[in-house]
């Protein structure tokens, strides 16, 4: 039997990453990270150009907010208008939209 359980990465918002030793620690706070895992966040952010890293108060955060206006238009986010293979997909999309409306759409206004 095929396992159809899906584990989806959960993005995190206002995520802090501490680096350095005890007396030289620095904290970087990102407005958004793809997963709440410090080592993965560090690798992901190092792969981005500095001006694209969504550090709170930075140009990267403003760039992300600007892109969101075009990436997720509200008229594209309607479960009832979308086609799905099964109810499980529909439920995953519903949870995604709930997260977008709660965390992303409020960023734009």
PDB file of N, CA and C in Angstrom:
ATOM      1  N   UNK A   1       0.842  -1.182   0.000  1.00  0.00           N
ATOM      2  CA  UNK A   1       0.000   0.000   0.000  1.00  0.00           C
ATOM      3  C   UNK A   1       0.888   1.246   0.000  1.00  0.00           C
ATOM      4  N   UNK A   2       0.515   2.227  -0.776  1.00  0.00           N
ATOM      5  CA  UNK A   2       1.270   3.473  -0.879  1.00  0.00           C
ATOM      6  C   UNK A   2       0.872   4.399   0.257  1.00  0.00           C
ATOM      7  N   UNK A   3       1.858   4.972   0.900  1.00  0.00           N
ATOM      8  CA  UNK A   3       1.601   5.930   1.972  1.00  0.00           C
ATOM      9  C   UNK A   3       1.319   7.292   1.353  1.00  0.00           C
ATOM     10  N   UNK A   4       0.106   7.782   1.560  1.00  0.00           N
ATOM     11  CA  UNK A   4      -0.272   9.078   0.989  1.00  0.00           C
ATOM     12  C   UNK A   4      -0.217  10.203   2.006  1.00  0.00           C
ATOM     13  N   UNK A   5       0.265   9.906   3.215  1.00  0.00           N
ATOM     14  CA  UNK A   5       0.391  10.972   4.214  1.00  0.00           C
ATOM     15  C   UNK A   5       1.390  12.001   3.708  1.00  0.00           C
ATOM     16  N   UNK A   6       1.049  13.240   3.880  1.00  0.00           N
ATOM     17  CA  UNK A   6       1.930  14.312   3.412  1.00  0.00           C
ATOM     18  C   UNK A   6       2.401  15.124   4.600  1.00  0.00           C
ATOM     19  N   UNK A   7       3.666  15.302   4.666  1.00  0.00           N
ATOM     20  CA  UNK A   7       4.205  16.202   5.669  1.00  0.00           C
ATOM     21  C   UNK A   7       4.713  17.414   4.921  1.00  0.00           C
ATOM     22  N   UNK A   8       4.126  18.525   5.209  1.00  0.00           N
ATOM     23  CA  UNK A   8       4.477  19.749   4.508  1.00  0.00           C
ATOM     24  C   UNK A   8       5.375  20.607   5.371  1.00  0.00           C
ATOM     25  N   UNK A   9       6.387  21.224   4.776  1.00  0.00           N
ATOM     26  CA  UNK A   9       7.186  22.163   5.552  1.00  0.00           C
ATOM     27  C   UNK A   9       6.309  23.321   5.989  1.00  0.00           C
ATOM     28  N   UNK A  10       6.541  23.787   7.166  1.00  0.00           N
ATOM     29  CA  UNK A  10       5.762  24.899   7.688  1.00  0.00           C
ATOM     30  C   UNK A  10       6.674  26.101   7.811  1.00  0.00           C
ATOM     31  N   UNK A  11       6.350  27.133   7.083  1.00  0.00           N
ATOM     32  CA  UNK A  11       7.136  28.360   7.152  1.00  0.00           C
ATOM     33  C   UNK A  11       7.016  28.960   8.543  1.00  0.00           C
ATOM     34  N   UNK A  12       7.988  29.773   8.900  1.00  0.00           N
ATOM     35  CA  UNK A  12       7.963  30.468  10.186  1.00  0.00           C
ATOM     36  C   UNK A  12       8.154  31.959   9.929  1.00  0.00           C
ATOM     37  N   UNK A  13       7.616  32.740  10.807  1.00  0.00           N
ATOM     38  CA  UNK A  13       7.664  34.195  10.675  1.00  0.00           C
ATOM     39  C   UNK A  13       8.353  34.779  11.897  1.00  0.00           C
ATOM     40  N   UNK A  14       9.104  35.869  11.693  1.00  0.00           N
ATOM     41  CA  UNK A  14       9.864  36.517  12.765  1.00  0.00           C
ATOM     42  C   UNK A  14      10.750  35.499  13.482  1.00  0.00           C
ATOM     43  N   UNK A  15      11.549  34.807  12.712  1.00  0.00           N
ATOM     44  CA  UNK A  15      12.398  33.717  13.186  1.00  0.00           C
ATOM     45  C   UNK A  15      13.792  34.249  13.498  1.00  0.00           C
ATOM     46  N   UNK A  16      14.266  33.992  14.721  1.00  0.00           N
ATOM     47  CA  UNK A  16      15.582  34.476  15.154  1.00  0.00           C
ATOM     48  C   UNK A  16      16.617  33.362  15.066  1.00  0.00           C
ATOM     49  N   UNK A  17      17.796  33.727  14.551  1.00  0.00           N
ATOM     50  CA  UNK A  17      18.915  32.798  14.457  1.00  0.00           C
ATOM     51  C   UNK A  17      20.091  33.420  15.191  1.00  0.00           C
ATOM     52  N   UNK A  18      20.597  32.705  16.203  1.00  0.00           N
ATOM     53  CA  UNK A  18      21.774  33.162  16.948  1.00  0.00           C
ATOM     54  C   UNK A  18      22.993  32.444  16.401  1.00  0.00           C
ATOM     55  N   UNK A  19      24.065  33.200  16.185  1.00  0.00           N
ATOM     56  CA  UNK A  19      25.315  32.609  15.717  1.00  0.00           C
ATOM     57  C   UNK A  19      26.466  33.142  16.555  1.00  0.00           C
ATOM     58  N   UNK A  20      27.564  32.414  16.543  1.00  0.00           N
ATOM     59  CA  UNK A  20      28.746  32.845  17.277  1.00  0.00           C
ATOM     60  C   UNK A  20      28.870  32.162  18.620  1.00  0.00           C
ATOM     61  N   UNK A  21      29.951  32.481  19.298  1.00  0.00           N
ATOM     62  CA  UNK A  21      30.217  31.911  20.620  1.00  0.00           C
ATOM     63  C   UNK A  21      29.560  32.760  21.695  1.00  0.00           C
ATOM     64  N   UNK A  22      29.628  32.293  22.915  1.00  0.00           N
ATOM     65  CA  UNK A  22      28.928  32.916  24.051  1.00  0.00           C
ATOM     66  C   UNK A  22      29.124  34.429  24.137  1.00  0.00           C
ATOM     67  N   UNK A  23      30.365  34.908  24.058  1.00  0.00           N
ATOM     68  CA  UNK A  23      30.616  36.347  24.231  1.00  0.00           C
ATOM     69  C   UNK A  23      30.560  37.140  22.920  1.00  0.00           C
ATOM     70  N   UNK A  24      30.396  36.446  21.791  1.00  0.00           N
ATOM     71  CA  UNK A  24      30.320  37.150  20.507  1.00  0.00           C
ATOM     72  C   UNK A  24      29.068  36.766  19.715  1.00  0.00           C
ATOM     73  N   UNK A  25      28.008  36.429  20.426  1.00  0.00           N
ATOM     74  CA  UNK A  25      26.771  36.023  19.752  1.00  0.00           C
ATOM     75  C   UNK A  25      26.137  37.184  19.001  1.00  0.00           C
ATOM     76  N   UNK A  26      25.633  36.870  17.827  1.00  0.00           N
ATOM     77  CA  UNK A  26      24.833  37.836  17.080  1.00  0.00           C
ATOM     78  C   UNK A  26      23.490  37.179  16.764  1.00  0.00           C
ATOM     79  N   UNK A  27      22.461  37.987  16.737  1.00  0.00           N
ATOM     80  CA  UNK A  27      21.121  37.492  16.437  1.00  0.00           C
ATOM     81  C   UNK A  27      20.627  38.151  15.159  1.00  0.00           C
ATOM     82  N   UNK A  28      20.153  37.337  14.248  1.00  0.00           N
ATOM     83  CA  UNK A  28      19.543  37.826  13.018  1.00  0.00           C
ATOM     84  C   UNK A  28      18.085  37.410  13.048  1.00  0.00           C
ATOM     85  N   UNK A  29      17.189  38.367  12.803  1.00  0.00           N
ATOM     86  CA  UNK A  29      15.761  38.041  12.793  1.00  0.00           C
ATOM     87  C   UNK A  29      15.228  38.180  11.373  1.00  0.00           C
ATOM     88  N   UNK A  30      14.710  37.071  10.876  1.00  0.00           N
ATOM     89  CA  UNK A  30      14.130  37.028   9.535  1.00  0.00           C
ATOM     90  C   UNK A  30      12.617  37.197   9.636  1.00  0.00           C
ATOM     91  N   UNK A  31      12.043  37.952   8.722  1.00  0.00           N
ATOM     92  CA  UNK A  31      10.590  38.119   8.725  1.00  0.00           C
ATOM     93  C   UNK A  31       9.899  36.848   8.253  1.00  0.00           C
ATOM     94  N   UNK A  32      10.612  36.015   7.484  1.00  0.00           N
ATOM     95  CA  UNK A  32      10.068  34.754   6.972  1.00  0.00           C
ATOM     96  C   UNK A  32      11.209  33.790   6.725  1.00  0.00           C
ATOM     97  N   UNK A  33      10.978  32.523   7.066  1.00  0.00           N
ATOM     98  CA  UNK A  33      11.904  31.442   6.722  1.00  0.00           C
ATOM     99  C   UNK A  33      11.075  30.262   6.217  1.00  0.00           C
ATOM    100  N   UNK A  34      11.637  29.446   5.312  1.00  0.00           N
ATOM    101  CA  UNK A  34      10.847  28.353   4.744  1.00  0.00           C
ATOM    102  C   UNK A  34      10.519  27.247   5.743  1.00  0.00           C
ATOM    103  N   UNK A  35      11.411  26.996   6.678  1.00  0.00           N
ATOM    104  CA  UNK A  35      11.185  26.002   7.733  1.00  0.00           C
ATOM    105  C   UNK A  35      11.837  26.499   9.013  1.00  0.00           C
ATOM    106  N   UNK A  36      11.266  26.175  10.168  1.00  0.00           N
ATOM    107  CA  UNK A  36      11.849  26.640  11.434  1.00  0.00           C
ATOM    108  C   UNK A  36      12.995  25.740  11.923  1.00  0.00           C
ATOM    109  N   UNK A  37      14.037  25.629  11.130  1.00  0.00           N
ATOM    110  CA  UNK A  37      15.195  24.814  11.465  1.00  0.00           C
ATOM    111  C   UNK A  37      16.444  25.669  11.249  1.00  0.00           C
ATOM    112  N   UNK A  38      17.163  25.952  12.332  1.00  0.00           N
ATOM    113  CA  UNK A  38      18.289  26.892  12.286  1.00  0.00           C
ATOM    114  C   UNK A  38      19.318  26.539  11.209  1.00  0.00           C
ATOM    115  N   UNK A  39      19.743  25.289  11.150  1.00  0.00           N
ATOM    116  CA  UNK A  39      20.790  24.937  10.183  1.00  0.00           C
ATOM    117  C   UNK A  39      20.286  25.053   8.743  1.00  0.00           C
ATOM    118  N   UNK A  40      19.042  24.658   8.486  1.00  0.00           N
ATOM    119  CA  UNK A  40      18.490  24.802   7.139  1.00  0.00           C
ATOM    120  C   UNK A  40      18.291  26.271   6.774  1.00  0.00           C
ATOM    121  N   UNK A  41      17.859  27.066   7.745  1.00  0.00           N
ATOM    122  CA  UNK A  41      17.672  28.500   7.500  1.00  0.00           C
ATOM    123  C   UNK A  41      19.005  29.141   7.137  1.00  0.00           C
ATOM    124  N   UNK A  42      20.057  28.816   7.882  1.00  0.00           N
ATOM    125  CA  UNK A  42      21.369  29.393   7.595  1.00  0.00           C
ATOM    126  C   UNK A  42      21.837  29.022   6.189  1.00  0.00           C
ATOM    127  N   UNK A  43      21.677  27.761   5.806  1.00  0.00           N
ATOM    128  CA  UNK A  43      22.082  27.322   4.463  1.00  0.00           C
ATOM    129  C   UNK A  43      21.250  28.017   3.391  1.00  0.00           C
ATOM    130  N   UNK A  44      19.950  28.096   3.619  1.00  0.00           N
ATOM    131  CA  UNK A  44      19.049  28.721   2.645  1.00  0.00           C
ATOM    132  C   UNK A  44      19.403  30.193   2.450  1.00  0.00           C
ATOM    133  N   UNK A  45      19.568  30.913   3.554  1.00  0.00           N
ATOM    134  CA  UNK A  45      19.840  32.350   3.465  1.00  0.00           C
ATOM    135  C   UNK A  45      21.204  32.637   2.844  1.00  0.00           C
ATOM    136  N   UNK A  46      22.195  31.788   3.115  1.00  0.00           N
ATOM    137  CA  UNK A  46      23.513  31.976   2.496  1.00  0.00           C
ATOM    138  C   UNK A  46      23.451  31.785   0.984  1.00  0.00           C
ATOM    139  N   UNK A  47      22.476  31.008   0.515  1.00  0.00           N
ATOM    140  CA  UNK A  47      22.323  30.780  -0.924  1.00  0.00           C
ATOM    141  C   UNK A  47      21.676  31.973  -1.629  1.00  0.00           C
ATOM    142  N   UNK A  48      21.025  32.839  -0.863  1.00  0.00           N
ATOM    143  CA  UNK A  48      20.376  34.021  -1.440  1.00  0.00           C
ATOM    144  C   UNK A  48      21.351  35.193  -1.497  1.00  0.00           C
ATOM    145  N   UNK A  49      21.212  36.053  -2.493  1.00  0.00           N
ATOM    146  CA  UNK A  49      21.990  37.296  -2.471  1.00  0.00           C
ATOM    147  C   UNK A  49      21.596  38.100  -1.228  1.00  0.00           C
ATOM    148  N   UNK A  50      22.525  38.834  -0.682  1.00  0.00           N
ATOM    149  CA  UNK A  50      22.273  39.565   0.561  1.00  0.00           C
ATOM    150  C   UNK A  50      21.042  40.468   0.478  1.00  0.00           C
ATOM    151  N   UNK A  51      20.839  41.118  -0.671  1.00  0.00           N
ATOM    152  CA  UNK A  51      19.705  42.042  -0.805  1.00  0.00           C
ATOM    153  C   UNK A  51      18.362  41.312  -0.927  1.00  0.00           C
ATOM    154  N   UNK A  52      18.381  39.979  -0.974  1.00  0.00           N
ATOM    155  CA  UNK A  52      17.142  39.195  -1.050  1.00  0.00           C
ATOM    156  C   UNK A  52      16.821  38.482   0.261  1.00  0.00           C
ATOM    157  N   UNK A  53      17.701  38.569   1.236  1.00  0.00           N
ATOM    158  CA  UNK A  53      17.457  37.907   2.525  1.00  0.00           C
ATOM    159  C   UNK A  53      16.441  38.721   3.320  1.00  0.00           C
ATOM    160  N   UNK A  54      15.334  38.100   3.744  1.00  0.00           N
ATOM    161  CA  UNK A  54      14.270  38.847   4.420  1.00  0.00           C
ATOM    162  C   UNK A  54      14.569  39.139   5.896  1.00  0.00           C
ATOM    163  N   UNK A  55      15.654  39.858   6.136  1.00  0.00           N
ATOM    164  CA  UNK A  55      16.009  40.267   7.498  1.00  0.00           C
ATOM    165  C   UNK A  55      15.116  41.447   7.864  1.00  0.00           C
ATOM    166  N   UNK A  56      14.555  41.399   9.056  1.00  0.00           N
ATOM    167  CA  UNK A  56      13.614  42.441   9.473  1.00  0.00           C
ATOM    168  C   UNK A  56      14.259  43.819   9.356  1.00  0.00           C
ATOM    169  N   UNK A  57      13.541  44.724   8.685  1.00  0.00           N
ATOM    170  CA  UNK A  57      14.001  46.092   8.504  1.00  0.00           C
ATOM    171  C   UNK A  57      14.957  46.292   7.340  1.00  0.00           C
ATOM    172  N   UNK A  58      15.188  45.244   6.560  1.00  0.00           N
ATOM    173  CA  UNK A  58      16.169  45.340   5.471  1.00  0.00           C
ATOM    174  C   UNK A  58      15.496  45.532   4.113  1.00  0.00           C
ATOM    175  N   UNK A  59      16.331  45.798   3.116  1.00  0.00           N
ATOM    176  CA  UNK A  59      15.865  45.881   1.733  1.00  0.00           C
ATOM    177  C   UNK A  59      15.288  44.528   1.307  1.00  0.00           C
ATOM    178  N   UNK A  60      15.899  43.447   1.764  1.00  0.00           N
ATOM    179  CA  UNK A  60      15.414  42.105   1.431  1.00  0.00           C
ATOM    180  C   UNK A  60      13.995  41.868   1.903  1.00  0.00           C
ATOM    181  N   UNK A  61      13.669  42.374   3.088  1.00  0.00           N
ATOM    182  CA  UNK A  61      12.296  42.237   3.591  1.00  0.00           C
ATOM    183  C   UNK A  61      11.336  43.026   2.707  1.00  0.00           C
ATOM    184  N   UNK A  62      11.716  44.231   2.323  1.00  0.00           N
ATOM    185  CA  UNK A  62      10.867  45.040   1.446  1.00  0.00           C
ATOM    186  C   UNK A  62      10.708  44.388   0.068  1.00  0.00           C
ATOM    187  N   UNK A  63      11.790  43.808  -0.455  1.00  0.00           N
ATOM    188  CA  UNK A  63      11.710  43.099  -1.739  1.00  0.00           C
ATOM    189  C   UNK A  63      10.727  41.937  -1.657  1.00  0.00           C
ATOM    190  N   UNK A  64      10.766  41.193  -0.560  1.00  0.00           N
ATOM    191  CA  UNK A  64       9.843  40.064  -0.382  1.00  0.00           C
ATOM    192  C   UNK A  64       8.399  40.551  -0.359  1.00  0.00           C
ATOM    193  N   UNK A  65       8.137  41.609   0.385  1.00  0.00           N
ATOM    194  CA  UNK A  65       6.774  42.150   0.461  1.00  0.00           C
ATOM    195  C   UNK A  65       6.283  42.589  -0.915  1.00  0.00           C
ATOM    196  N   UNK A  66       7.148  43.212  -1.677  1.00  0.00           N
ATOM    197  CA  UNK A  66       6.773  43.660  -3.023  1.00  0.00           C
ATOM    198  C   UNK A  66       6.442  42.478  -3.929  1.00  0.00           C
ATOM    199  N   UNK A  67       7.265  41.434  -3.866  1.00  0.00           N
ATOM    200  CA  UNK A  67       7.019  40.258  -4.705  1.00  0.00           C
ATOM    201  C   UNK A  67       5.728  39.547  -4.324  1.00  0.00           C
ATOM    202  N   UNK A  68       5.378  39.545  -3.056  1.00  0.00           N
ATOM    203  CA  UNK A  68       4.157  38.869  -2.612  1.00  0.00           C
ATOM    204  C   UNK A  68       2.911  39.461  -3.254  1.00  0.00           C
ATOM    205  N   UNK A  69       2.940  40.729  -3.560  1.00  0.00           N
ATOM    206  CA  UNK A  69       1.782  41.369  -4.178  1.00  0.00           C
ATOM    207  C   UNK A  69       1.457  40.747  -5.529  1.00  0.00           C
ATOM    208  N   UNK A  70       2.456  40.224  -6.218  1.00  0.00           N
ATOM    209  CA  UNK A  70       2.251  39.629  -7.536  1.00  0.00           C
ATOM    210  C   UNK A  70       2.227  38.108  -7.483  1.00  0.00           C
ATOM    211  N   UNK A  71       2.890  37.545  -6.491  1.00  0.00           N
ATOM    212  CA  UNK A  71       2.998  36.097  -6.395  1.00  0.00           C
ATOM    213  C   UNK A  71       1.688  35.453  -5.960  1.00  0.00           C
ATOM    214  N   UNK A  72       0.991  36.051  -5.037  1.00  0.00           N
ATOM    215  CA  UNK A  72      -0.228  35.462  -4.488  1.00  0.00           C
ATOM    216  C   UNK A  72      -1.399  36.433  -4.559  1.00  0.00           C
ATOM    217  N   UNK A  73      -1.888  36.724  -5.750  1.00  0.00           N
ATOM    218  CA  UNK A  73      -3.036  37.624  -5.817  1.00  0.00           C
ATOM    219  C   UNK A  73      -4.252  36.986  -5.147  1.00  0.00           C
ATOM    220  N   UNK A  74      -5.013  37.788  -4.442  1.00  0.00           N
ATOM    221  CA  UNK A  74      -6.145  37.272  -3.682  1.00  0.00           C
ATOM    222  C   UNK A  74      -7.165  36.554  -4.555  1.00  0.00           C
ATOM    223  N   UNK A  75      -7.370  37.030  -5.783  1.00  0.00           N
ATOM    224  CA  UNK A  75      -8.362  36.393  -6.639  1.00  0.00           C
ATOM    225  C   UNK A  75      -7.943  34.990  -7.088  1.00  0.00           C
ATOM    226  N   UNK A  76      -6.702  34.616  -6.853  1.00  0.00           N
ATOM    227  CA  UNK A  76      -6.207  33.290  -7.214  1.00  0.00           C
ATOM    228  C   UNK A  76      -6.334  32.292  -6.075  1.00  0.00           C
ATOM    229  N   UNK A  77      -6.799  32.721  -4.941  1.00  0.00           N
ATOM    230  CA  UNK A  77      -6.783  31.892  -3.738  1.00  0.00           C
ATOM    231  C   UNK A  77      -8.194  31.525  -3.293  1.00  0.00           C
ATOM    232  N   UNK A  78      -8.854  30.704  -4.077  1.00  0.00           N
ATOM    233  CA  UNK A  78     -10.206  30.300  -3.731  1.00  0.00           C
ATOM    234  C   UNK A  78     -10.335  28.790  -3.913  1.00  0.00           C
ATOM    235  N   UNK A  79     -10.546  28.074  -2.813  1.00  0.00           N
ATOM    236  CA  UNK A  79     -10.655  26.619  -2.845  1.00  0.00           C
ATOM    237  C   UNK A  79     -11.799  26.178  -3.747  1.00  0.00           C
ATOM    238  N   UNK A  80     -12.905  26.880  -3.704  1.00  0.00           N
ATOM    239  CA  UNK A  80     -14.084  26.467  -4.472  1.00  0.00           C
ATOM    240  C   UNK A  80     -13.869  26.548  -5.981  1.00  0.00           C
ATOM    241  N   UNK A  81     -12.988  27.413  -6.430  1.00  0.00           N
ATOM    242  CA  UNK A  81     -12.734  27.558  -7.864  1.00  0.00           C
ATOM    243  C   UNK A  81     -11.598  26.672  -8.371  1.00  0.00           C
ATOM    244  N   UNK A  82     -10.875  26.052  -7.460  1.00  0.00           N
ATOM    245  CA  UNK A  82      -9.731  25.224  -7.845  1.00  0.00           C
ATOM    246  C   UNK A  82     -10.179  23.778  -8.097  1.00  0.00           C
ATOM    247  N   UNK A  83      -9.408  23.073  -8.921  1.00  0.00           N
ATOM    248  CA  UNK A  83      -9.701  21.663  -9.212  1.00  0.00           C
ATOM    249  C   UNK A  83      -8.690  20.802  -8.471  1.00  0.00           C
ATOM    250  N   UNK A  84      -9.201  19.740  -7.840  1.00  0.00           N
ATOM    251  CA  UNK A  84      -8.340  18.865  -7.053  1.00  0.00           C
ATOM    252  C   UNK A  84      -8.581  17.415  -7.419  1.00  0.00           C
ATOM    253  N   UNK A  85      -7.540  16.605  -7.260  1.00  0.00           N
ATOM    254  CA  UNK A  85      -7.662  15.180  -7.526  1.00  0.00           C
ATOM    255  C   UNK A  85      -8.460  14.480  -6.429  1.00  0.00           C
ATOM    256  N   UNK A  86      -8.318  14.964  -5.211  1.00  0.00           N
ATOM    257  CA  UNK A  86      -9.032  14.321  -4.106  1.00  0.00           C
ATOM    258  C   UNK A  86      -9.249  15.310  -2.965  1.00  0.00           C
ATOM    259  N   UNK A  87      -9.998  14.870  -1.981  1.00  0.00           N
ATOM    260  CA  UNK A  87     -10.327  15.727  -0.838  1.00  0.00           C
ATOM    261  C   UNK A  87      -9.098  16.060  -0.002  1.00  0.00           C
ATOM    262  N   UNK A  88      -8.135  15.154   0.049  1.00  0.00           N
ATOM    263  CA  UNK A  88      -6.915  15.415   0.823  1.00  0.00           C
ATOM    264  C   UNK A  88      -6.180  16.625   0.240  1.00  0.00           C
ATOM    265  N   UNK A  89      -6.084  16.687  -1.080  1.00  0.00           N
ATOM    266  CA  UNK A  89      -5.442  17.837  -1.720  1.00  0.00           C
ATOM    267  C   UNK A  89      -6.209  19.120  -1.431  1.00  0.00           C
ATOM    268  N   UNK A  90      -7.515  19.012  -1.455  1.00  0.00           N
ATOM    269  CA  UNK A  90      -8.357  20.175  -1.187  1.00  0.00           C
ATOM    270  C   UNK A  90      -8.129  20.685   0.237  1.00  0.00           C
ATOM    271  N   UNK A  91      -8.000  19.760   1.183  1.00  0.00           N
ATOM    272  CA  UNK A  91      -7.767  20.149   2.576  1.00  0.00           C
ATOM    273  C   UNK A  91      -6.384  20.769   2.746  1.00  0.00           C
ATOM    274  N   UNK A  92      -5.375  20.232   2.080  1.00  0.00           N
ATOM    275  CA  UNK A  92      -4.023  20.807   2.138  1.00  0.00           C
ATOM    276  C   UNK A  92      -4.051  22.234   1.602  1.00  0.00           C
ATOM    277  N   UNK A  93      -4.751  22.436   0.487  1.00  0.00           N
ATOM    278  CA  UNK A  93      -4.852  23.772  -0.103  1.00  0.00           C
ATOM    279  C   UNK A  93      -5.613  24.717   0.823  1.00  0.00           C
ATOM    280  N   UNK A  94      -6.654  24.219   1.456  1.00  0.00           N
ATOM    281  CA  UNK A  94      -7.436  25.039   2.387  1.00  0.00           C
ATOM    282  C   UNK A  94      -6.545  25.530   3.546  1.00  0.00           C
ATOM    283  N   UNK A  95      -5.714  24.624   4.090  1.00  0.00           N
ATOM    284  CA  UNK A  95      -4.803  25.015   5.186  1.00  0.00           C
ATOM    285  C   UNK A  95      -3.764  26.016   4.689  1.00  0.00           C
ATOM    286  N   UNK A  96      -3.272  25.803   3.466  1.00  0.00           N
ATOM    287  CA  UNK A  96      -2.323  26.735   2.876  1.00  0.00           C
ATOM    288  C   UNK A  96      -2.941  28.127   2.769  1.00  0.00           C
ATOM    289  N   UNK A  97      -4.156  28.200   2.257  1.00  0.00           N
ATOM    290  CA  UNK A  97      -4.826  29.494   2.112  1.00  0.00           C
ATOM    291  C   UNK A  97      -5.057  30.161   3.456  1.00  0.00           C
ATOM    292  N   UNK A  98      -5.404  29.370   4.458  1.00  0.00           N
ATOM    293  CA  UNK A  98      -5.595  29.921   5.801  1.00  0.00           C
ATOM    294  C   UNK A  98      -4.293  30.553   6.295  1.00  0.00           C
ATOM    295  N   UNK A  99      -3.182  29.864   6.076  1.00  0.00           N
ATOM    296  CA  UNK A  99      -1.877  30.384   6.470  1.00  0.00           C
ATOM    297  C   UNK A  99      -1.535  31.654   5.692  1.00  0.00           C
ATOM    298  N   UNK A 100      -1.802  31.654   4.388  1.00  0.00           N
ATOM    299  CA  UNK A 100      -1.526  32.828   3.556  1.00  0.00           C
ATOM    300  C   UNK A 100      -2.336  34.019   4.042  1.00  0.00           C
ATOM    301  N   UNK A 101      -3.602  33.808   4.274  1.00  0.00           N
ATOM    302  CA  UNK A 101      -4.456  34.918   4.712  1.00  0.00           C
ATOM    303  C   UNK A 101      -4.039  35.446   6.078  1.00  0.00           C
ATOM    304  N   UNK A 102      -3.604  34.547   6.939  1.00  0.00           N
ATOM    305  CA  UNK A 102      -3.232  34.953   8.298  1.00  0.00           C
ATOM    306  C   UNK A 102      -1.875  35.655   8.338  1.00  0.00           C
ATOM    307  N   UNK A 103      -0.903  35.134   7.587  1.00  0.00           N
ATOM    308  CA  UNK A 103       0.472  35.625   7.722  1.00  0.00           C
ATOM    309  C   UNK A 103       0.982  36.443   6.547  1.00  0.00           C
ATOM    310  N   UNK A 104       0.509  36.168   5.350  1.00  0.00           N
ATOM    311  CA  UNK A 104       1.068  36.826   4.173  1.00  0.00           C
ATOM    312  C   UNK A 104       0.250  38.030   3.753  1.00  0.00           C
ATOM    313  N   UNK A 105      -1.037  37.852   3.605  1.00  0.00           N
ATOM    314  CA  UNK A 105      -1.873  38.950   3.106  1.00  0.00           C
ATOM    315  C   UNK A 105      -1.849  40.148   4.040  1.00  0.00           C
ATOM    316  N   UNK A 106      -1.727  39.912   5.328  1.00  0.00           N
ATOM    317  CA  UNK A 106      -1.675  41.030   6.265  1.00  0.00           C
ATOM    318  C   UNK A 106      -0.376  41.806   6.135  1.00  0.00           C
ATOM    319  N   UNK A 107       0.670  41.184   5.601  1.00  0.00           N
ATOM    320  CA  UNK A 107       1.951  41.859   5.391  1.00  0.00           C
ATOM    321  C   UNK A 107       1.795  42.960   4.348  1.00  0.00           C
ATOM    322  N   UNK A 108       0.918  42.747   3.397  1.00  0.00           N
ATOM    323  CA  UNK A 108       0.788  43.663   2.271  1.00  0.00           C
ATOM    324  C   UNK A 108      -0.002  44.912   2.595  1.00  0.00           C
ATOM    325  N   UNK A 109      -0.762  44.900   3.652  1.00  0.00           N
ATOM    326  CA  UNK A 109      -1.641  46.040   3.948  1.00  0.00           C
ATOM    327  C   UNK A 109      -1.121  46.884   5.084  1.00  0.00           C
TER     328      UNK A 109
END
